[in-house]
PDB file of N, CA and C in Angstrom:
ATOM      1  N   UNK A   1      17.264   1.836 -52.932  1.00  0.00           N
ATOM      2  CA  UNK A   1      18.305   1.579 -53.895  1.00  0.00           C
ATOM      3  C   UNK A   1      18.309   0.112 -54.293  1.00  0.00           C
ATOM      4  N   UNK A   2      17.816  -0.731 -53.447  1.00  0.00           N
ATOM      5  CA  UNK A   2      17.744  -2.148 -53.793  1.00  0.00           C
ATOM      6  C   UNK A   2      19.087  -2.751 -54.087  1.00  0.00           C
ATOM      7  N   UNK A   3      19.216  -3.424 -55.216  1.00  0.00           N
ATOM      8  CA  UNK A   3      20.456  -4.134 -55.541  1.00  0.00           C
ATOM      9  C   UNK A   3      21.472  -3.273 -56.286  1.00  0.00           C
ATOM     10  N   UNK A   4      21.126  -2.059 -56.622  1.00  0.00           N
ATOM     11  CA  UNK A   4      22.060  -1.162 -57.302  1.00  0.00           C
ATOM     12  C   UNK A   4      22.020  -1.225 -58.809  1.00  0.00           C
ATOM     13  N   UNK A   5      21.016  -1.880 -59.375  1.00  0.00           N
ATOM     14  CA  UNK A   5      20.979  -2.043 -60.831  1.00  0.00           C
ATOM     15  C   UNK A   5      20.890  -0.712 -61.574  1.00  0.00           C
ATOM     16  N   UNK A   6      20.214   0.260 -60.990  1.00  0.00           N
ATOM     17  CA  UNK A   6      20.119   1.573 -61.639  1.00  0.00           C
ATOM     18  C   UNK A   6      21.468   2.275 -61.651  1.00  0.00           C
ATOM     19  N   UNK A   7      22.232   2.122 -60.585  1.00  0.00           N
ATOM     20  CA  UNK A   7      23.564   2.718 -60.520  1.00  0.00           C
ATOM     21  C   UNK A   7      24.489   2.048 -61.541  1.00  0.00           C
ATOM     22  N   UNK A   8      24.389   0.750 -61.667  1.00  0.00           N
ATOM     23  CA  UNK A   8      25.187   0.019 -62.657  1.00  0.00           C
ATOM     24  C   UNK A   8      24.815   0.485 -64.066  1.00  0.00           C
ATOM     25  N   UNK A   9      23.533   0.622 -64.348  1.00  0.00           N
ATOM     26  CA  UNK A   9      23.092   1.088 -65.669  1.00  0.00           C
ATOM     27  C   UNK A   9      23.602   2.498 -65.950  1.00  0.00           C
ATOM     28  N   UNK A  10      23.594   3.342 -64.956  1.00  0.00           N
ATOM     29  CA  UNK A  10      24.120   4.702 -65.128  1.00  0.00           C
ATOM     30  C   UNK A  10      25.603   4.647 -65.479  1.00  0.00           C
ATOM     31  N   UNK A  11      26.347   3.836 -64.779  1.00  0.00           N
ATOM     32  CA  UNK A  11      27.775   3.690 -65.046  1.00  0.00           C
ATOM     33  C   UNK A  11      28.023   3.165 -66.457  1.00  0.00           C
ATOM     34  N   UNK A  12      27.240   2.207 -66.883  1.00  0.00           N
ATOM     35  CA  UNK A  12      27.415   1.610 -68.203  1.00  0.00           C
ATOM     36  C   UNK A  12      27.095   2.579 -69.330  1.00  0.00           C
ATOM     37  N   UNK A  13      26.271   3.569 -69.064  1.00  0.00           N
ATOM     38  CA  UNK A  13      25.906   4.540 -70.096  1.00  0.00           C
ATOM     39  C   UNK A  13      26.632   5.876 -69.932  1.00  0.00           C
ATOM     40  N   UNK A  14      27.647   5.892 -69.046  1.00  0.00           N
ATOM     41  CA  UNK A  14      28.448   7.101 -68.881  1.00  0.00           C
ATOM     42  C   UNK A  14      27.772   8.196 -68.083  1.00  0.00           C
ATOM     43  N   UNK A  15      26.801   7.810 -67.289  1.00  0.00           N
ATOM     44  CA  UNK A  15      26.088   8.797 -66.476  1.00  0.00           C
ATOM     45  C   UNK A  15      26.450   8.604 -65.010  1.00  0.00           C
ATOM     46  N   UNK A  16      26.114   9.598 -64.208  1.00  0.00           N
ATOM     47  CA  UNK A  16      26.311   9.510 -62.768  1.00  0.00           C
ATOM     48  C   UNK A  16      25.013   9.046 -62.128  1.00  0.00           C
ATOM     49  N   UNK A  17      25.137   8.288 -61.068  1.00  0.00           N
ATOM     50  CA  UNK A  17      23.956   7.815 -60.362  1.00  0.00           C
ATOM     51  C   UNK A  17      24.115   8.002 -58.866  1.00  0.00           C
ATOM     52  N   UNK A  18      23.017   8.211 -58.199  1.00  0.00           N
ATOM     53  CA  UNK A  18      22.998   8.346 -56.743  1.00  0.00           C
ATOM     54  C   UNK A  18      21.980   7.358 -56.207  1.00  0.00           C
ATOM     55  N   UNK A  19      22.385   6.589 -55.221  1.00  0.00           N
ATOM     56  CA  UNK A  19      21.477   5.627 -54.618  1.00  0.00           C
ATOM     57  C   UNK A  19      21.338   5.881 -53.127  1.00  0.00           C
ATOM     58  N   UNK A  20      20.132   5.777 -52.633  1.00  0.00           N
ATOM     59  CA  UNK A  20      19.856   5.996 -51.213  1.00  0.00           C
ATOM     60  C   UNK A  20      18.926   4.892 -50.732  1.00  0.00           C
ATOM     61  N   UNK A  21      19.236   4.359 -49.560  1.00  0.00           N
ATOM     62  CA  UNK A  21      18.365   3.356 -48.968  1.00  0.00           C
ATOM     63  C   UNK A  21      18.482   3.474 -47.453  1.00  0.00           C
ATOM     64  N   UNK A  22      17.399   3.243 -46.760  1.00  0.00           N
ATOM     65  CA  UNK A  22      17.409   3.319 -45.303  1.00  0.00           C
ATOM     66  C   UNK A  22      18.089   2.094 -44.692  1.00  0.00           C
ATOM     67  N   UNK A  23      18.138   1.004 -45.431  1.00  0.00           N
ATOM     68  CA  UNK A  23      18.708  -0.249 -44.929  1.00  0.00           C
ATOM     69  C   UNK A  23      20.182  -0.346 -45.324  1.00  0.00           C
ATOM     70  N   UNK A  24      21.066  -0.335 -44.333  1.00  0.00           N
ATOM     71  CA  UNK A  24      22.509  -0.346 -44.578  1.00  0.00           C
ATOM     72  C   UNK A  24      22.934  -1.584 -45.364  1.00  0.00           C
ATOM     73  N   UNK A  25      22.326  -2.720 -45.101  1.00  0.00           N
ATOM     74  CA  UNK A  25      22.729  -3.950 -45.797  1.00  0.00           C
ATOM     75  C   UNK A  25      22.492  -3.850 -47.305  1.00  0.00           C
ATOM     76  N   UNK A  26      21.439  -3.163 -47.717  1.00  0.00           N
ATOM     77  CA  UNK A  26      21.197  -2.978 -49.152  1.00  0.00           C
ATOM     78  C   UNK A  26      22.252  -2.063 -49.765  1.00  0.00           C
ATOM     79  N   UNK A  27      22.662  -1.053 -49.018  1.00  0.00           N
ATOM     80  CA  UNK A  27      23.713  -0.163 -49.516  1.00  0.00           C
ATOM     81  C   UNK A  27      25.018  -0.926 -49.717  1.00  0.00           C
ATOM     82  N   UNK A  28      25.361  -1.780 -48.756  1.00  0.00           N
ATOM     83  CA  UNK A  28      26.581  -2.577 -48.876  1.00  0.00           C
ATOM     84  C   UNK A  28      26.494  -3.545 -50.056  1.00  0.00           C
ATOM     85  N   UNK A  29      25.342  -4.187 -50.215  1.00  0.00           N
ATOM     86  CA  UNK A  29      25.145  -5.114 -51.322  1.00  0.00           C
ATOM     87  C   UNK A  29      25.273  -4.381 -52.660  1.00  0.00           C
ATOM     88  N   UNK A  30      24.665  -3.217 -52.769  1.00  0.00           N
ATOM     89  CA  UNK A  30      24.729  -2.445 -54.008  1.00  0.00           C
ATOM     90  C   UNK A  30      26.149  -1.974 -54.280  1.00  0.00           C
ATOM     91  N   UNK A  31      26.860  -1.570 -53.234  1.00  0.00           N
ATOM     92  CA  UNK A  31      28.240  -1.116 -53.403  1.00  0.00           C
ATOM     93  C   UNK A  31      29.096  -2.234 -53.985  1.00  0.00           C
ATOM     94  N   UNK A  32      28.946  -3.446 -53.461  1.00  0.00           N
ATOM     95  CA  UNK A  32      29.708  -4.580 -53.970  1.00  0.00           C
ATOM     96  C   UNK A  32      29.348  -4.882 -55.423  1.00  0.00           C
ATOM     97  N   UNK A  33      28.069  -4.761 -55.761  1.00  0.00           N
ATOM     98  CA  UNK A  33      27.647  -5.018 -57.138  1.00  0.00           C
ATOM     99  C   UNK A  33      28.230  -3.985 -58.099  1.00  0.00           C
ATOM    100  N   UNK A  34      28.219  -2.713 -57.697  1.00  0.00           N
ATOM    101  CA  UNK A  34      28.757  -1.658 -58.555  1.00  0.00           C
ATOM    102  C   UNK A  34      30.258  -1.863 -58.754  1.00  0.00           C
ATOM    103  N   UNK A  35      30.965  -2.216 -57.693  1.00  0.00           N
ATOM    104  CA  UNK A  35      32.409  -2.471 -57.814  1.00  0.00           C
ATOM    105  C   UNK A  35      32.654  -3.654 -58.743  1.00  0.00           C
ATOM    106  N   UNK A  36      31.890  -4.729 -58.578  1.00  0.00           N
ATOM    107  CA  UNK A  36      32.035  -5.923 -59.425  1.00  0.00           C
ATOM    108  C   UNK A  36      31.778  -5.591 -60.892  1.00  0.00           C
ATOM    109  N   UNK A  37      30.730  -4.846 -61.167  1.00  0.00           N
ATOM    110  CA  UNK A  37      30.380  -4.492 -62.548  1.00  0.00           C
ATOM    111  C   UNK A  37      31.396  -3.537 -63.148  1.00  0.00           C
ATOM    112  N   UNK A  38      31.982  -2.652 -62.339  1.00  0.00           N
ATOM    113  CA  UNK A  38      32.970  -1.694 -62.840  1.00  0.00           C
ATOM    114  C   UNK A  38      34.211  -2.410 -63.355  1.00  0.00           C
ATOM    115  N   UNK A  39      34.545  -3.526 -62.756  1.00  0.00           N
ATOM    116  CA  UNK A  39      35.711  -4.310 -63.191  1.00  0.00           C
ATOM    117  C   UNK A  39      35.479  -4.853 -64.600  1.00  0.00           C
ATOM    118  N   UNK A  40      34.230  -5.130 -64.951  1.00  0.00           N
ATOM    119  CA  UNK A  40      33.911  -5.713 -66.261  1.00  0.00           C
ATOM    120  C   UNK A  40      33.715  -4.671 -67.356  1.00  0.00           C
ATOM    121  N   UNK A  41      33.873  -3.395 -67.044  1.00  0.00           N
ATOM    122  CA  UNK A  41      33.680  -2.367 -68.080  1.00  0.00           C
ATOM    123  C   UNK A  41      34.880  -2.259 -68.935  1.00  0.00           C
TER     124      UNK A  41
END
């Protein structure tokens, strides 16, 4: 899932996105990014 950019793009275009990563820290980082970007919509 990396930094969550695909999930953010899905949100910005009105689509649903699912992200999976084996590394918990990447999931947490992506979650924070998605929350931050959602505030700016």
